[in-house]
N, C-alpha and C. Protein backbone atom coordinates (compact mmCIF):
# COMPACT_ATOMS: atom_id res chain seq x y z
N MET A 1 57.26 122.46 -161.47
CA MET A 1 55.85 122.63 -161.20
C MET A 1 55.67 123.68 -160.11
N PRO A 2 54.98 124.76 -160.38
CA PRO A 2 54.82 125.82 -159.39
C PRO A 2 53.92 125.38 -158.24
N THR A 3 54.25 125.81 -157.05
CA THR A 3 53.42 125.48 -155.88
C THR A 3 52.71 126.72 -155.40
N THR A 4 51.53 126.53 -154.87
CA THR A 4 50.75 127.63 -154.33
C THR A 4 51.04 127.74 -152.85
N PRO A 5 51.37 128.92 -152.36
CA PRO A 5 51.64 129.05 -150.92
C PRO A 5 50.38 128.81 -150.10
N LEU A 6 50.55 128.27 -148.91
CA LEU A 6 49.43 128.02 -148.01
C LEU A 6 48.95 129.34 -147.41
N PRO A 7 47.65 129.44 -147.11
CA PRO A 7 47.17 130.63 -146.40
C PRO A 7 47.86 130.76 -145.05
N ALA A 8 47.94 131.95 -144.53
CA ALA A 8 48.67 132.21 -143.27
C ALA A 8 48.12 131.37 -142.12
N THR A 9 46.79 131.22 -142.04
CA THR A 9 46.22 130.46 -140.92
C THR A 9 46.59 128.98 -141.03
N THR A 10 46.56 128.42 -142.22
CA THR A 10 46.92 127.01 -142.40
C THR A 10 48.40 126.81 -142.12
N SER A 11 49.22 127.71 -142.60
CA SER A 11 50.66 127.61 -142.37
C SER A 11 50.97 127.68 -140.87
N ALA A 12 50.29 128.56 -140.16
CA ALA A 12 50.51 128.69 -138.72
C ALA A 12 50.10 127.42 -137.99
N LEU A 13 49.00 126.79 -138.42
CA LEU A 13 48.55 125.55 -137.78
C LEU A 13 49.55 124.43 -138.00
N LEU A 14 50.14 124.35 -139.18
CA LEU A 14 51.09 123.28 -139.47
C LEU A 14 52.41 123.48 -138.75
N GLU A 15 52.73 124.71 -138.36
CA GLU A 15 53.99 124.99 -137.68
C GLU A 15 53.87 124.97 -136.16
N GLU A 16 52.66 124.82 -135.63
CA GLU A 16 52.46 124.80 -134.18
C GLU A 16 53.10 123.55 -133.60
N ARG A 17 53.96 123.72 -132.61
CA ARG A 17 54.69 122.58 -132.04
C ARG A 17 53.89 121.93 -130.91
N GLN A 18 53.98 120.60 -130.88
CA GLN A 18 53.38 119.80 -129.82
C GLN A 18 54.52 119.17 -129.01
N HIS A 19 54.34 119.09 -127.70
CA HIS A 19 55.37 118.53 -126.84
C HIS A 19 54.78 117.36 -126.06
N ALA A 20 55.57 116.31 -125.88
CA ALA A 20 55.15 115.16 -125.06
C ALA A 20 56.36 114.66 -124.29
N ARG A 21 56.12 114.27 -123.03
CA ARG A 21 57.17 113.70 -122.18
C ARG A 21 56.64 112.42 -121.56
N PHE A 22 57.55 111.47 -121.37
CA PHE A 22 57.20 110.18 -120.78
C PHE A 22 58.34 109.76 -119.87
N ALA A 23 58.00 109.27 -118.68
CA ALA A 23 59.01 108.74 -117.77
C ALA A 23 58.43 107.51 -117.09
N ALA A 24 59.26 106.47 -116.95
CA ALA A 24 58.82 105.24 -116.30
C ALA A 24 59.97 104.67 -115.49
N ARG A 25 59.61 103.99 -114.41
CA ARG A 25 60.59 103.34 -113.57
C ARG A 25 60.08 101.95 -113.24
N ALA A 26 60.87 100.92 -113.56
CA ALA A 26 60.47 99.53 -113.29
C ALA A 26 61.03 99.06 -111.96
N THR A 27 62.29 99.36 -111.69
CA THR A 27 62.93 99.02 -110.42
C THR A 27 63.79 100.21 -110.03
N ASP A 28 64.57 100.03 -108.97
CA ASP A 28 65.46 101.12 -108.56
C ASP A 28 66.56 101.37 -109.59
N HIS A 29 66.88 100.36 -110.40
CA HIS A 29 67.97 100.46 -111.35
C HIS A 29 67.52 100.68 -112.79
N VAL A 30 66.24 100.46 -113.07
CA VAL A 30 65.75 100.57 -114.44
C VAL A 30 64.82 101.77 -114.55
N ARG A 31 65.28 102.76 -115.27
CA ARG A 31 64.48 103.97 -115.51
C ARG A 31 64.54 104.35 -116.97
N MET A 32 63.47 104.97 -117.43
CA MET A 32 63.44 105.40 -118.82
C MET A 32 62.72 106.73 -118.90
N ALA A 33 63.26 107.62 -119.71
CA ALA A 33 62.63 108.91 -119.94
C ALA A 33 62.76 109.25 -121.42
N ALA A 34 61.70 109.82 -121.96
CA ALA A 34 61.71 110.21 -123.38
C ALA A 34 60.89 111.47 -123.55
N SER A 35 61.24 112.25 -124.53
CA SER A 35 60.45 113.42 -124.88
C SER A 35 60.50 113.60 -126.39
N VAL A 36 59.47 114.25 -126.91
CA VAL A 36 59.39 114.47 -128.34
C VAL A 36 58.75 115.84 -128.60
N ARG A 37 59.23 116.49 -129.62
CA ARG A 37 58.64 117.75 -130.09
C ARG A 37 58.37 117.59 -131.57
N VAL A 38 57.15 117.83 -131.97
CA VAL A 38 56.79 117.67 -133.37
C VAL A 38 55.74 118.72 -133.74
N THR A 39 55.78 119.16 -134.98
CA THR A 39 54.78 120.13 -135.44
C THR A 39 53.48 119.41 -135.78
N SER A 40 52.43 120.16 -135.93
CA SER A 40 51.14 119.57 -136.31
C SER A 40 51.24 118.91 -137.68
N GLY A 41 52.01 119.50 -138.58
CA GLY A 41 52.23 118.89 -139.88
C GLY A 41 52.97 117.57 -139.75
N GLY A 42 53.89 117.48 -138.80
CA GLY A 42 54.61 116.24 -138.54
C GLY A 42 53.69 115.16 -138.01
N ILE A 43 52.77 115.54 -137.14
CA ILE A 43 51.79 114.58 -136.61
C ILE A 43 50.93 114.05 -137.75
N LEU A 44 50.54 114.92 -138.64
CA LEU A 44 49.75 114.50 -139.80
C LEU A 44 50.55 113.52 -140.67
N ALA A 45 51.82 113.82 -140.90
CA ALA A 45 52.66 112.94 -141.71
C ALA A 45 52.84 111.57 -141.03
N ILE A 46 53.02 111.57 -139.72
CA ILE A 46 53.16 110.32 -138.98
C ILE A 46 51.88 109.50 -139.08
N GLY A 47 50.73 110.14 -138.97
CA GLY A 47 49.45 109.46 -139.09
C GLY A 47 49.28 108.81 -140.46
N VAL A 48 49.66 109.52 -141.51
CA VAL A 48 49.56 108.97 -142.86
C VAL A 48 50.50 107.78 -143.01
N MET A 49 51.70 107.90 -142.48
CA MET A 49 52.68 106.82 -142.60
C MET A 49 52.20 105.57 -141.85
N VAL A 50 51.67 105.72 -140.65
CA VAL A 50 51.17 104.58 -139.88
C VAL A 50 49.99 103.94 -140.60
N SER A 51 49.11 104.75 -141.17
CA SER A 51 47.97 104.21 -141.92
C SER A 51 48.44 103.38 -143.11
N CYS A 52 49.43 103.89 -143.83
CA CYS A 52 49.96 103.14 -144.98
C CYS A 52 50.59 101.82 -144.54
N ILE A 53 51.31 101.83 -143.44
CA ILE A 53 51.92 100.60 -142.94
C ILE A 53 50.85 99.58 -142.56
N LEU A 54 49.80 100.02 -141.87
CA LEU A 54 48.74 99.09 -141.48
C LEU A 54 47.99 98.54 -142.68
N LEU A 55 47.73 99.39 -143.66
CA LEU A 55 47.04 98.92 -144.87
C LEU A 55 47.89 97.93 -145.64
N SER A 56 49.18 98.20 -145.77
CA SER A 56 50.05 97.29 -146.52
C SER A 56 50.23 95.96 -145.77
N THR A 57 50.23 96.00 -144.45
CA THR A 57 50.33 94.77 -143.66
C THR A 57 49.12 93.88 -143.89
N SER A 58 47.94 94.47 -143.95
CA SER A 58 46.74 93.66 -144.17
C SER A 58 46.76 93.02 -145.55
N VAL A 59 47.30 93.71 -146.54
CA VAL A 59 47.42 93.13 -147.87
C VAL A 59 48.40 91.97 -147.86
N LEU A 60 49.53 92.13 -147.19
CA LEU A 60 50.52 91.06 -147.10
C LEU A 60 49.98 89.83 -146.39
N VAL A 61 49.26 90.02 -145.31
CA VAL A 61 48.68 88.89 -144.57
C VAL A 61 47.63 88.20 -145.43
N GLY A 62 46.80 88.96 -146.11
CA GLY A 62 45.79 88.37 -146.99
C GLY A 62 46.41 87.54 -148.09
N THR A 63 47.48 88.03 -148.69
CA THR A 63 48.18 87.29 -149.74
C THR A 63 48.82 86.03 -149.19
N ALA A 64 49.42 86.11 -148.02
CA ALA A 64 50.06 84.93 -147.41
C ALA A 64 49.02 83.85 -147.10
N VAL A 65 47.87 84.26 -146.59
CA VAL A 65 46.82 83.29 -146.26
C VAL A 65 46.30 82.65 -147.54
N ARG A 66 46.09 83.43 -148.57
CA ARG A 66 45.59 82.90 -149.84
C ARG A 66 46.58 81.89 -150.44
N GLU A 67 47.86 82.23 -150.43
CA GLU A 67 48.89 81.33 -150.96
C GLU A 67 48.98 80.05 -150.13
N SER A 68 48.82 80.17 -148.82
CA SER A 68 48.86 79.00 -147.94
C SER A 68 47.72 78.05 -148.27
N ARG A 69 46.55 78.58 -148.53
CA ARG A 69 45.38 77.74 -148.86
C ARG A 69 45.59 77.06 -150.21
N ARG A 70 46.20 77.75 -151.14
CA ARG A 70 46.46 77.16 -152.46
C ARG A 70 47.41 75.99 -152.36
N ARG A 71 48.42 76.08 -151.53
CA ARG A 71 49.41 75.02 -151.39
C ARG A 71 48.81 73.77 -150.73
N ARG A 72 47.83 73.95 -149.88
CA ARG A 72 47.20 72.81 -149.22
C ARG A 72 46.36 72.01 -150.19
N GLU A 73 45.82 72.65 -151.19
CA GLU A 73 44.93 71.96 -152.15
C GLU A 73 45.67 71.20 -153.18
């Protein structure tokens, strides 16, 4: 199946990198540091994936509640 190339402006937006850093210290001995680099397209993909997980979780909880009510009757 042939694919159509993205326009230059859209392609540039999807390739733009985002940077985030996080550091925390709980005590003198417990420290944590993390950093992440992701493109705008990656952020979009992560957002879609999290949305799908949340939607599927609500379906699973709804089914479990419905089945629980059926067993009580």
